[in-house]
N, C-alpha and C. Protein backbone atom coordinates (compact mmCIF):
# COMPACT_ATOMS: atom_id res chain seq x y z
N MET A 1 91.18 27.76 71.21
CA MET A 1 90.67 28.43 72.41
C MET A 1 90.22 29.84 72.27
N ASP A 2 89.21 30.06 72.83
CA ASP A 2 88.57 31.45 72.64
C ASP A 2 89.17 32.37 73.90
N ARG A 3 89.79 33.65 73.17
CA ARG A 3 90.40 34.53 74.33
C ARG A 3 89.28 35.37 74.72
N ARG A 4 87.99 35.33 74.28
CA ARG A 4 87.11 36.34 74.86
C ARG A 4 86.95 36.15 76.38
N GLN A 5 86.65 37.29 76.91
CA GLN A 5 86.48 37.39 78.49
C GLN A 5 85.01 37.03 78.88
N SER A 6 83.93 37.29 77.95
CA SER A 6 82.67 37.16 78.09
C SER A 6 82.04 36.61 76.67
N PRO A 7 80.99 35.94 77.15
CA PRO A 7 80.43 35.20 75.76
C PRO A 7 79.74 36.19 74.92
N ARG A 8 79.86 35.79 73.63
CA ARG A 8 78.96 36.54 72.64
C ARG A 8 77.76 35.91 72.15
N VAL A 9 76.78 36.62 71.71
CA VAL A 9 75.57 36.51 71.36
C VAL A 9 75.16 36.93 69.96
N ASP A 10 74.69 36.06 68.96
CA ASP A 10 74.17 36.81 67.81
C ASP A 10 72.84 37.43 67.86
N VAL A 11 72.81 38.55 67.43
CA VAL A 11 71.69 39.63 67.56
C VAL A 11 71.49 40.19 66.27
N HIS A 12 70.32 40.72 66.00
CA HIS A 12 70.32 41.77 64.80
C HIS A 12 69.49 42.95 65.45
N LEU A 13 70.06 43.80 66.03
CA LEU A 13 69.58 45.08 66.73
C LEU A 13 69.93 46.33 65.72
N PRO A 14 68.95 47.19 65.63
CA PRO A 14 69.25 48.50 65.06
C PRO A 14 69.86 49.46 65.68
N VAL A 15 70.85 50.38 65.45
CA VAL A 15 71.34 51.26 65.99
C VAL A 15 71.62 52.33 65.07
N GLN A 16 71.97 53.66 65.76
CA GLN A 16 72.63 54.97 65.10
C GLN A 16 74.03 54.82 65.69
N VAL A 17 74.89 55.31 64.59
CA VAL A 17 76.35 55.50 64.84
C VAL A 17 76.70 56.84 64.54
N TRP A 18 77.47 57.38 65.32
CA TRP A 18 78.20 58.53 64.89
C TRP A 18 79.45 58.73 65.27
N GLY A 19 80.38 59.51 64.51
CA GLY A 19 81.74 59.79 64.87
C GLY A 19 82.33 60.54 63.53
N ILE A 20 83.82 60.01 63.29
CA ILE A 20 84.45 60.75 62.35
C ILE A 20 84.75 59.64 61.39
N ASP A 21 84.67 59.77 60.03
CA ASP A 21 85.20 58.55 59.24
C ASP A 21 86.67 58.69 58.85
N ALA A 22 87.20 57.84 58.01
CA ALA A 22 88.40 57.80 57.56
C ALA A 22 88.90 59.05 56.62
N HIS A 23 87.88 59.73 56.29
CA HIS A 23 88.20 61.09 55.54
C HIS A 23 88.27 62.18 56.36
N GLY A 24 87.87 61.99 57.71
CA GLY A 24 87.70 63.17 58.57
C GLY A 24 86.40 63.98 58.64
N GLN A 25 85.42 63.16 58.06
CA GLN A 25 84.08 63.77 58.05
C GLN A 25 82.86 63.31 59.15
N ALA A 26 82.29 64.31 59.83
CA ALA A 26 81.49 63.66 60.84
C ALA A 26 80.28 63.07 60.20
N PHE A 27 79.82 62.04 60.84
CA PHE A 27 78.54 61.29 60.38
C PHE A 27 77.67 60.88 61.50
N MET A 28 76.44 60.57 61.10
CA MET A 28 75.56 59.72 61.93
C MET A 28 74.78 58.85 60.94
N ASP A 29 74.94 57.66 61.13
CA ASP A 29 74.39 56.69 60.20
C ASP A 29 73.84 55.53 60.84
N PRO A 30 72.81 54.77 60.22
CA PRO A 30 72.11 53.64 61.02
C PRO A 30 73.09 52.49 60.50
N ALA A 31 72.86 51.50 61.54
CA ALA A 31 73.89 50.32 61.31
C ALA A 31 72.97 49.12 62.26
N MET A 32 73.79 48.08 62.04
CA MET A 32 73.12 46.73 62.72
C MET A 32 74.20 46.01 63.60
N VAL A 33 73.65 45.94 64.85
CA VAL A 33 74.54 45.19 65.66
C VAL A 33 74.31 43.65 65.39
N ILE A 34 75.21 42.83 64.95
CA ILE A 34 75.02 41.52 64.68
C ILE A 34 75.56 40.34 65.82
N ASN A 35 76.32 40.84 66.63
CA ASN A 35 76.86 40.08 67.39
C ASN A 35 77.32 41.04 68.55
N MET A 36 77.17 40.46 70.05
CA MET A 36 77.65 41.30 70.89
C MET A 36 78.12 40.67 72.30
N SER A 37 78.64 41.22 73.20
CA SER A 37 78.92 40.73 74.63
C SER A 37 78.95 41.91 75.38
N GLY A 38 79.15 41.61 76.76
CA GLY A 38 79.37 42.73 77.75
C GLY A 38 80.59 43.64 77.40
N SER A 39 81.45 43.22 76.65
CA SER A 39 82.46 44.01 76.56
C SER A 39 82.99 44.67 74.95
N GLY A 40 81.79 44.21 74.03
CA GLY A 40 82.00 44.45 72.80
C GLY A 40 80.92 44.11 71.94
N LEU A 41 81.09 44.34 70.56
CA LEU A 41 80.09 44.26 69.57
C LEU A 41 80.68 44.04 68.15
N VAL A 42 79.83 43.59 67.45
CA VAL A 42 80.24 43.62 65.89
C VAL A 42 79.36 44.30 65.34
N LEU A 43 79.47 45.31 64.46
CA LEU A 43 78.66 46.09 63.79
C LEU A 43 78.72 46.02 62.36
N GLN A 44 77.51 45.94 61.67
CA GLN A 44 77.52 45.70 60.03
C GLN A 44 76.84 46.84 59.59
N GLY A 45 77.11 47.32 58.34
CA GLY A 45 76.07 48.26 57.47
C GLY A 45 76.65 49.63 57.47
N LEU A 46 77.51 50.23 57.87
CA LEU A 46 78.10 51.30 57.85
C LEU A 46 78.53 51.56 56.46
N ARG A 47 78.13 52.56 55.72
CA ARG A 47 78.58 52.57 54.34
C ARG A 47 79.87 53.69 54.12
N ARG A 48 80.48 53.72 55.41
CA ARG A 48 81.62 54.68 55.28
C ARG A 48 82.91 53.91 55.89
N LYS A 49 84.01 54.30 55.13
CA LYS A 49 85.38 53.73 55.71
C LYS A 49 85.68 54.21 57.08
N ILE A 50 85.92 53.46 57.84
CA ILE A 50 86.21 53.73 59.15
C ILE A 50 87.51 53.13 59.74
N ARG A 51 88.65 53.89 60.34
CA ARG A 51 89.81 53.63 60.67
C ARG A 51 89.92 52.75 62.00
N GLY A 52 90.66 51.70 62.16
CA GLY A 52 90.91 51.00 63.43
C GLY A 52 91.40 52.01 64.51
N GLY A 53 91.05 51.98 65.37
CA GLY A 53 91.42 52.80 66.81
C GLY A 53 90.32 53.93 66.77
N GLU A 54 89.72 54.13 66.00
CA GLU A 54 88.59 55.27 65.94
C GLU A 54 87.52 54.99 67.21
N ILE A 55 87.04 56.13 67.82
CA ILE A 55 86.10 56.09 68.90
C ILE A 55 84.51 56.64 68.05
N LEU A 56 83.74 55.58 68.24
CA LEU A 56 82.39 55.90 67.88
C LEU A 56 81.38 55.75 68.84
N ASP A 57 80.47 56.68 68.70
CA ASP A 57 79.21 56.57 69.70
C ASP A 57 78.28 55.70 69.10
N VAL A 58 77.52 54.60 69.85
CA VAL A 58 76.47 53.77 69.36
C VAL A 58 75.15 53.87 70.10
N ARG A 59 73.98 54.35 69.50
CA ARG A 59 72.85 54.64 70.21
C ARG A 59 71.82 53.69 69.96
N MET A 60 71.29 52.95 71.04
CA MET A 60 70.15 52.17 70.74
C MET A 60 69.00 52.90 71.75
N GLY A 61 67.91 53.32 70.92
CA GLY A 61 66.86 53.83 71.98
C GLY A 61 67.41 55.10 72.44
N ASN A 62 67.17 55.21 73.80
CA ASN A 62 67.76 56.28 74.56
C ASN A 62 68.99 56.07 75.26
N ASP A 63 69.67 54.78 75.01
CA ASP A 63 70.87 54.45 75.66
C ASP A 63 72.10 54.55 74.56
N LYS A 64 73.21 55.02 75.03
CA LYS A 64 74.44 55.39 74.36
C LYS A 64 75.40 55.09 74.85
N ALA A 65 76.49 54.36 74.18
CA ALA A 65 77.86 54.00 74.65
C ALA A 65 78.83 54.23 73.70
N GLN A 66 80.22 54.32 73.95
CA GLN A 66 81.31 54.62 73.15
C GLN A 66 82.12 53.49 73.08
N TYR A 67 82.51 53.05 71.75
CA TYR A 67 83.19 51.92 71.36
C TYR A 67 84.36 52.40 70.61
N ARG A 68 85.44 51.63 70.80
CA ARG A 68 86.55 51.78 69.85
C ARG A 68 86.62 50.58 68.58
N VAL A 69 87.19 51.06 67.52
CA VAL A 69 87.12 50.14 66.58
C VAL A 69 88.37 49.38 66.60
N VAL A 70 88.32 47.96 66.64
CA VAL A 70 89.49 47.09 66.96
C VAL A 70 89.72 46.41 65.85
N TRP A 71 88.78 46.16 64.89
CA TRP A 71 89.17 45.50 63.59
C TRP A 71 88.34 45.88 62.49
N VAL A 72 88.56 45.92 61.31
CA VAL A 72 87.65 46.40 60.12
C VAL A 72 87.57 45.25 59.17
N GLY A 73 86.60 44.65 58.75
CA GLY A 73 86.45 43.69 57.77
C GLY A 73 87.16 44.25 56.50
N GLY A 74 87.72 43.39 55.79
CA GLY A 74 88.45 43.83 54.55
C GLY A 74 87.73 43.62 53.54
N ALA A 75 87.77 44.46 52.44
CA ALA A 75 86.89 44.41 51.39
C ALA A 75 87.19 42.90 50.55
N GLY A 76 86.10 42.23 50.15
CA GLY A 76 86.21 40.93 49.54
C GLY A 76 86.41 39.91 50.70
N SER A 77 86.49 39.91 51.90
CA SER A 77 86.76 38.94 52.91
C SER A 77 85.20 38.71 53.29
N ARG A 78 84.97 37.53 54.19
CA ARG A 78 83.79 37.37 54.75
C ARG A 78 83.45 38.21 55.84
N ARG A 79 84.27 39.05 56.36
CA ARG A 79 83.68 40.11 57.25
C ARG A 79 83.65 41.34 56.48
N SER A 80 83.70 41.48 55.34
CA SER A 80 83.44 42.87 54.55
C SER A 80 82.42 43.45 55.12
N GLY A 81 82.59 44.81 55.38
CA GLY A 81 81.60 45.69 55.70
C GLY A 81 81.16 45.59 57.37
N GLU A 82 81.87 44.81 57.98
CA GLU A 82 81.93 44.62 59.58
C GLU A 82 82.83 45.31 60.39
N LEU A 83 82.67 45.63 61.61
CA LEU A 83 83.56 46.54 62.51
C LEU A 83 83.54 45.61 63.81
N GLY A 84 84.67 45.45 64.39
CA GLY A 84 84.60 44.73 65.58
C GLY A 84 84.95 45.69 66.52
N MET A 85 84.26 45.76 67.63
CA MET A 85 84.35 47.22 68.33
C MET A 85 84.54 46.83 69.94
N GLN A 86 85.23 47.51 70.76
CA GLN A 86 85.39 47.33 72.16
C GLN A 86 84.85 48.37 72.91
N ARG A 87 84.02 48.08 73.93
CA ARG A 87 83.54 49.23 74.78
C ARG A 87 84.51 49.98 75.46
N VAL A 88 84.41 51.21 75.60
CA VAL A 88 85.23 52.16 76.09
C VAL A 88 84.38 52.92 77.31
N THR A 89 83.08 52.98 77.32
CA THR A 89 82.39 53.68 78.30
C THR A 89 82.09 52.71 79.58
N ALA A 90 81.73 53.11 80.68
CA ALA A 90 81.20 52.28 81.73
C ALA A 90 80.11 51.38 81.60
N ASN A 91 79.17 52.05 80.78
CA ASN A 91 77.90 51.41 80.65
C ASN A 91 77.66 51.01 79.05
N ALA A 92 77.32 49.94 78.83
CA ALA A 92 76.86 48.99 77.68
C ALA A 92 75.18 49.38 77.48
N PHE A 93 74.74 48.81 76.54
CA PHE A 93 73.31 49.01 76.14
C PHE A 93 72.63 48.27 77.46
N PHE A 94 71.46 49.30 77.81
CA PHE A 94 70.78 48.67 79.02
C PHE A 94 69.62 47.54 78.44
N MET A 95 69.54 46.47 79.30
CA MET A 95 68.42 45.68 78.78
C MET A 95 67.06 46.09 78.32
N THR A 96 66.57 47.17 79.03
CA THR A 96 65.57 47.83 78.50
C THR A 96 65.39 48.03 76.89
N SER A 97 66.59 48.78 76.53
CA SER A 97 66.54 49.25 75.21
C SER A 97 66.68 48.02 74.45
N ILE A 98 67.27 46.91 74.59
CA ILE A 98 67.36 45.80 73.87
C ILE A 98 65.98 45.00 73.99
N LEU A 99 65.59 44.82 75.07
CA LEU A 99 64.07 44.21 75.20
C LEU A 99 62.92 45.20 74.39
N THR A 100 62.93 46.31 74.60
CA THR A 100 62.17 47.07 73.62
C THR A 100 62.44 46.91 72.29
N CYS A 101 63.39 46.88 71.81
CA CYS A 101 63.77 46.52 70.40
C CYS A 101 63.11 44.99 69.92
N CYS A 102 63.52 44.23 70.64
CA CYS A 102 63.03 42.90 70.37
C CYS A 102 61.38 42.69 70.36
N ALA A 103 60.82 43.51 71.35
CA ALA A 103 59.46 43.51 71.36
C ALA A 103 58.87 44.15 70.20
N GLN A 104 59.48 45.27 69.73
CA GLN A 104 59.09 45.95 68.71
C GLN A 104 59.16 45.06 67.24
N ILE A 105 60.19 44.28 67.41
CA ILE A 105 60.51 43.64 66.17
C ILE A 105 59.44 42.34 66.08
N ALA A 106 59.13 41.66 67.21
CA ALA A 106 58.31 40.65 67.33
C ALA A 106 56.80 41.11 66.96
N GLY A 107 56.63 42.34 67.47
CA GLY A 107 55.38 42.78 66.96
C GLY A 107 54.95 43.09 65.69
N THR A 108 56.04 43.12 64.84
CA THR A 108 55.83 43.40 63.41
C THR A 108 55.76 42.07 62.59
N CYS A 109 56.16 40.93 62.99
CA CYS A 109 55.90 39.75 62.32
C CYS A 109 54.27 39.35 61.99
């Protein structure tokens, strides 16, 4: 039985992520949201070591939200390079940013 409170959707949405990595260094890097719901998301593609519990800012277009890292995919596992994140701010990405991103991607095909 699934414990999630809201359904998840598979997506491929480019975002900018910034915060503090496991070495205490500030960063701002691109990443990809590969799965999302109203309360969280799965991020892929950060090339930095991030600790569980860290708060990261995630920006898509003009919209920004903060997420807490709740799990980190282990090296060599099928989740390697992924972060499971739970939203901590009241707002999530607005539909306009998602729709704009999807329209831009569709226009490049």
